[in-house]
Every structure is written in C-alpha cells, then in structure tokens.
Protein backbone atom coordinates (compact mmCIF):
# COMPACT_ATOMS: atom_id res chain seq x y z
CA UNK A 1 35.39 31.42 61.11
CA UNK A 2 35.34 28.91 58.23
CA UNK A 3 32.77 28.25 55.51
CA UNK A 4 32.63 25.57 52.82
CA UNK A 5 30.48 26.17 49.73
CA UNK A 6 30.07 23.39 47.20
CA UNK A 7 29.54 24.79 43.74
CA UNK A 8 30.99 27.93 45.28
CA UNK A 9 32.85 29.39 42.31
CA UNK A 10 29.79 30.52 40.33
CA UNK A 11 26.23 31.79 40.67
CA UNK A 12 24.38 31.42 43.95
CA UNK A 13 27.25 29.61 45.64
CA UNK A 14 29.70 32.40 44.88
CA UNK A 15 27.22 35.04 46.03
CA UNK A 16 26.92 33.29 49.40
CA UNK A 17 30.68 32.92 49.66
CA UNK A 18 31.11 36.64 49.00
CA UNK A 19 28.64 37.46 51.79
CA UNK A 20 30.70 35.52 54.35
CA UNK A 21 34.10 36.60 53.02
CA UNK A 22 35.36 38.83 55.82
CA UNK A 23 38.98 39.58 56.77
CA UNK A 24 40.48 36.49 58.40
CA UNK A 25 37.67 34.13 57.37
CA UNK A 26 38.61 30.85 55.70
CA UNK A 27 36.42 30.38 52.62
CA UNK A 28 36.59 26.94 50.99
CA UNK A 29 35.18 26.83 47.47
CA UNK A 30 34.48 23.44 45.96
CA UNK A 31 34.14 23.09 42.20
CA UNK A 32 34.19 20.25 39.70
CA UNK A 33 35.82 21.40 36.46
CA UNK A 34 35.90 25.10 35.51
CA UNK A 35 39.38 26.20 36.62
CA UNK A 36 39.10 29.68 35.08
CA UNK A 37 35.91 30.42 37.03
CA UNK A 38 37.54 29.08 40.19
CA UNK A 39 40.49 31.44 39.83
CA UNK A 40 38.18 34.41 39.24
CA UNK A 41 36.21 33.46 42.35
CA UNK A 42 39.42 33.19 44.37
CA UNK A 43 40.32 36.73 43.33
CA UNK A 44 36.94 38.07 44.49
CA UNK A 45 37.11 36.34 47.86
CA UNK A 46 40.71 37.36 48.56
CA UNK A 47 39.92 40.95 47.56
CA UNK A 48 37.51 40.97 50.53
CA UNK A 49 40.37 40.04 52.86
CA UNK A 50 39.39 36.40 53.37
CA UNK A 51 41.59 33.34 52.93
CA UNK A 52 40.30 31.46 49.89
CA UNK A 53 40.96 27.76 49.34
CA UNK A 54 39.91 26.07 46.10
CA UNK A 55 39.02 22.36 46.26
CA UNK A 56 38.38 20.49 43.02
CA UNK A 57 36.27 17.36 43.52
CA UNK A 58 32.94 15.75 42.69
CA UNK A 59 30.93 15.77 45.94
CA UNK A 60 28.27 13.58 44.31
CA UNK A 61 30.16 10.54 45.61
CA UNK A 62 31.03 9.64 49.21
CA UNK A 63 34.73 9.53 48.31
CA UNK A 64 34.57 12.95 46.67
CA UNK A 65 32.76 14.49 49.64
CA UNK A 66 35.29 12.98 52.04
CA UNK A 67 38.18 14.33 49.95
CA UNK A 68 36.73 17.83 50.16
CA UNK A 69 36.32 17.71 53.93
CA UNK A 70 39.79 16.22 54.32
CA UNK A 71 41.11 19.27 52.47
CA UNK A 72 39.15 21.54 54.80
CA UNK A 73 40.46 19.70 57.87
CA UNK A 74 44.02 20.20 56.64
CA UNK A 75 43.51 23.97 57.04
CA UNK A 76 41.19 24.35 60.02
CA UNK A 77 39.87 22.40 63.00
CA UNK A 78 36.33 23.78 62.75
CA UNK A 79 33.66 24.41 60.12
CA UNK A 80 31.06 27.04 60.93
CA UNK A 81 29.00 26.89 57.73
CA UNK A 82 28.51 24.07 55.24
CA UNK A 83 26.56 25.22 52.17
CA UNK A 84 25.64 22.72 49.46
CA UNK A 85 25.01 24.59 46.19
CA UNK A 86 26.57 22.24 43.65
CA UNK A 87 24.04 21.02 41.10
CA UNK A 88 24.02 18.70 38.11
CA UNK A 89 21.53 19.65 35.41
CA UNK A 90 20.19 17.05 32.99
CA UNK A 91 17.76 19.08 30.90
CA UNK A 92 15.78 16.20 29.47
CA UNK A 93 12.28 14.75 29.94
CA UNK A 94 12.37 12.03 32.57
CA UNK A 95 11.15 9.37 30.13
CA UNK A 96 14.19 9.86 27.89
CA UNK A 97 16.88 10.75 30.45
CA UNK A 98 19.92 8.50 30.42
CA UNK A 99 19.67 6.36 33.60
CA UNK A 100 23.35 6.79 34.45
CA UNK A 101 23.13 10.60 34.15
CA UNK A 102 19.94 10.55 36.22
CA UNK A 103 21.67 8.55 38.95
CA UNK A 104 24.61 10.97 39.00
CA UNK A 105 22.25 13.93 39.19
CA UNK A 106 20.18 12.45 42.03
CA UNK A 107 23.37 11.73 43.95
CA UNK A 108 24.74 15.27 43.63
CA UNK A 109 21.43 17.12 43.87
CA UNK A 110 20.05 14.90 46.62
CA UNK A 111 22.03 12.40 48.67
CA UNK A 112 25.31 14.34 48.58
CA UNK A 113 24.08 16.46 51.50
CA UNK A 114 24.40 13.32 53.66
CA UNK A 115 27.87 12.49 52.34
CA UNK A 116 29.01 16.02 53.14
CA UNK A 117 27.52 16.20 56.62
CA UNK A 118 28.92 12.79 57.59
CA UNK A 119 32.39 13.84 56.46
CA UNK A 120 32.09 17.22 58.20
CA UNK A 121 31.01 15.90 61.60
CA UNK A 122 34.48 16.08 63.19
CA UNK A 123 34.70 19.77 62.24
CA UNK A 124 31.28 20.87 63.44
CA UNK A 125 30.98 22.81 66.69
CA UNK A 126 27.89 24.02 68.59
CA UNK A 127 26.50 26.82 66.45
CA UNK A 128 27.66 25.35 63.13
CA UNK A 129 25.02 25.42 60.40
CA UNK A 130 24.27 23.36 57.29
CA UNK A 131 22.44 24.84 54.31
CA UNK A 132 21.00 23.20 51.23
CA UNK A 133 19.97 25.36 48.28
CA UNK A 134 16.66 24.14 46.92
CA UNK A 135 14.11 25.48 44.45
CA UNK A 136 10.41 25.38 43.62
CA UNK A 137 11.18 22.46 41.30
CA UNK A 138 11.37 20.28 44.40
CA UNK A 139 7.58 20.58 44.70
CA UNK A 140 6.33 21.88 41.35
CA UNK A 141 6.75 20.07 38.05
CA UNK A 142 8.97 22.05 35.65
CA UNK A 143 9.56 20.65 32.17
CA UNK A 144 12.98 18.98 31.73
CA UNK A 145 13.84 19.66 35.39
CA UNK A 146 13.14 16.26 36.94
CA UNK A 147 16.78 15.32 37.52
CA UNK A 148 17.24 18.50 39.55
CA UNK A 149 13.78 18.78 41.10
CA UNK A 150 13.56 15.18 42.29
CA UNK A 151 17.05 15.41 43.76
CA UNK A 152 16.22 18.60 45.62
CA UNK A 153 13.01 17.07 46.93
CA UNK A 154 15.04 14.16 48.29
CA UNK A 155 17.56 16.54 49.86
CA UNK A 156 14.81 18.54 51.57
CA UNK A 157 13.59 15.34 53.23
CA UNK A 158 17.11 14.32 54.18
CA UNK A 159 17.74 17.75 55.73
CA UNK A 160 14.75 17.24 58.02
CA UNK A 161 16.19 13.93 59.21
CA UNK A 162 19.66 15.44 59.53
CA UNK A 163 18.28 18.36 61.53
CA UNK A 164 16.80 16.02 64.11
CA UNK A 165 20.12 14.19 64.49
CA UNK A 166 22.28 17.32 64.47
CA UNK A 167 20.19 19.33 66.95
CA UNK A 168 21.52 17.53 70.05
CA UNK A 169 25.02 18.51 68.89
CA UNK A 170 24.04 22.18 68.69
CA UNK A 171 24.23 22.11 64.88
CA UNK A 172 21.42 23.35 62.63
CA UNK A 173 20.35 22.31 59.12
CA UNK A 174 17.93 24.18 56.86
CA UNK A 175 17.05 24.65 53.20
CA UNK A 176 16.80 27.97 51.39
CA UNK A 177 14.94 28.11 48.08
CA UNK A 178 15.21 31.30 46.02
CA UNK A 179 12.97 31.86 43.02
CA UNK A 180 14.51 32.27 39.57
CA UNK A 181 18.10 33.56 39.65
CA UNK A 182 19.96 33.98 36.36
CA UNK A 183 22.72 31.39 36.74
CA UNK A 184 24.57 29.01 34.45
CA UNK A 185 22.44 26.15 35.78
CA UNK A 186 19.21 28.02 34.98
CA UNK A 187 20.45 28.68 31.45
CA UNK A 188 21.17 24.98 31.02
CA UNK A 189 17.49 24.31 31.74
CA UNK A 190 15.91 27.11 29.68
CA UNK A 191 18.55 27.76 27.03
CA UNK A 192 17.63 30.56 24.62
CA UNK A 193 14.38 31.16 26.53
CA UNK A 194 16.18 32.22 29.71
CA UNK A 195 15.98 35.99 29.19
CA UNK A 196 12.27 35.78 28.41
CA UNK A 197 11.67 33.51 31.41
CA UNK A 198 13.40 36.03 33.67
CA UNK A 199 11.32 38.90 32.25
CA UNK A 200 8.12 36.95 32.77
CA UNK A 201 9.19 36.04 36.29
CA UNK A 202 9.77 39.67 37.24
CA UNK A 203 6.52 40.82 35.63
CA UNK A 204 4.42 38.21 37.44
CA UNK A 205 6.09 38.60 40.85
CA UNK A 206 3.81 40.33 43.38
CA UNK A 207 6.86 42.28 44.58
CA UNK A 208 7.50 43.61 41.09
CA UNK A 209 10.98 42.19 40.54
CA UNK A 210 13.10 39.08 40.55
CA UNK A 211 15.09 37.90 43.54
CA UNK A 212 18.62 39.31 43.79
CA UNK A 213 21.66 37.93 45.63
CA UNK A 214 21.12 40.08 48.72
CA UNK A 215 17.65 38.60 49.25
CA UNK A 216 18.75 35.03 49.88
CA UNK A 217 22.22 35.88 51.22
CA UNK A 218 20.67 38.04 53.96
CA UNK A 219 18.40 35.15 54.95
CA UNK A 220 21.31 32.70 55.11
CA UNK A 221 23.34 35.17 57.15
CA UNK A 222 20.48 35.43 59.64
CA UNK A 223 19.94 31.66 59.79
CA UNK A 224 23.64 31.22 60.51
CA UNK A 225 23.44 33.60 63.47
CA UNK A 226 22.65 32.73 67.11
CA UNK A 227 19.33 34.58 66.69
CA UNK A 228 18.10 31.64 64.58
CA UNK A 229 19.10 28.98 67.11
CA UNK A 230 15.65 27.34 67.12
CA UNK A 231 15.06 27.25 63.36
CA UNK A 232 15.69 23.65 62.37
CA UNK A 233 14.88 21.48 59.37
CA UNK A 234 12.94 24.12 57.47
CA UNK A 235 12.60 24.93 53.77
CA UNK A 236 12.36 28.71 53.47
CA UNK A 237 11.37 30.16 50.09
CA UNK A 238 12.71 33.55 49.01
CA UNK A 239 10.35 34.49 46.20
CA UNK A 240 8.78 37.90 46.81
CA UNK A 241 5.37 36.21 46.89
CA UNK A 242 5.60 34.06 43.76
CA UNK A 243 4.27 30.49 43.80
CA UNK A 244 2.02 31.06 46.79
CA UNK A 245 -0.85 28.64 47.29
CA UNK A 246 -3.90 29.11 49.50
C-alpha cells in the first residue's frame, strides 16, 4: 500500500499520514521548505513501522507536481491514496492582495489537484482514491481568506469533474472539509486571535467541542475503503454540526 500526502509534514496532512502509516506501507510526504518539520514527520511515520519518503517540491506548478509523482514512481508501481493538503495562505483582503501571490495561491489551493491527478494516472489502480482537503471558506466568506477559500472552491468543482472521469477507471475522488483545526495555516490567517477563535468555535459547536484529528482521519479511512466504492465527487464536512443551514 502506498499513500502520497502533499503538505504531509505538518498539521492535517501529517495527521492523515499517521493514520495510514502501517508496517510495510510506503508513505510519501511532500513539503515545500521546512526541512526540520519534515525530519520530525519522518521520525513519526517510521516509528509506526512504515517506509517514509520525503519529497521536497512545489506542487502548485505542473512541473513540481510531476516531479513529486516521478519520485513516487521511482519507489513503487502503484499509488493507493493521493491526498492534497498543501495550502498557500495569503492573509490579506482581496482588494489589496498582490496579484502574483494570489495567482500562486489559486494554483496550489485550487488547480494543483488536476496537476497531481494527471501525473499520478500511471500509478492509479482500481480502488485508488483521491482526496482534497477543503474548508468552509470555500462557500462562506471569511475575512482575509479569499486566496485560500476561492482556491478551495475551485478545487471542489474540479474534483467533481475529476470524479466523473476517474470513475470508469475504478478510481474515486472526494473532498473532506473539517471545521477549525489548530494548524500553522490557521494561525497564519488569525494570528494572535487564533486561541480565542478556537475557544469560540468549541463553545458554539452543537457537539460541544472542536474537531480533532480522529474525526476527519476516520472519515478518510472509510472513504478509502471498498465500503465507500459508490461515494464519488462529494464534499463531506466534518464539523460536529457547525455551519448548518436550513
């Protein structure tokens, strides 16, 4: 079994990688720059008995995505799970965001899912699954979140189109959208307000707490199983009841 997680050395990506890190599994962790975090992640994955492979590259470009999948193909002839968690945060109002930074963010947060899937096609087998990690910002306006939210909205649409094209190959594609999880990316958006935002989120959640890693990892594990063979092109929110609309 082999899994590739972009943005897999921190936060949500690392939590997912840990869930699939079983003895003998090949876990490929893509990251862009933080070598120290990558080495710590490698230690965690290898401690679980899995084979961990670090791949440094920017998957926000077609060439970067291809380089990552070439590195995967050098180690295995199949890819069972492709999980796109990498995110670029530009915490600015849309009217003042640098256009070049916005373009880079939209590419990584949105269209990169297509670059990755195209490059991964030779490694997919019937039963392989593609996951994109989205958020409520794809549908709800959050201040200074447009570069992320608009990209994720684009990716959700692209996943629906990908799902229709992948289904005849026996490959599935879905989006999973947890509510607030205390990650480096979240702290880039909220800064010093992050702790208060997390407290407010827990207090207002109908389930009485914030989402934890097991909540969304358990869903992804199920969606990757044969039991979810007919779940295609969906965006599934893991929120405990927050953000519901009649």
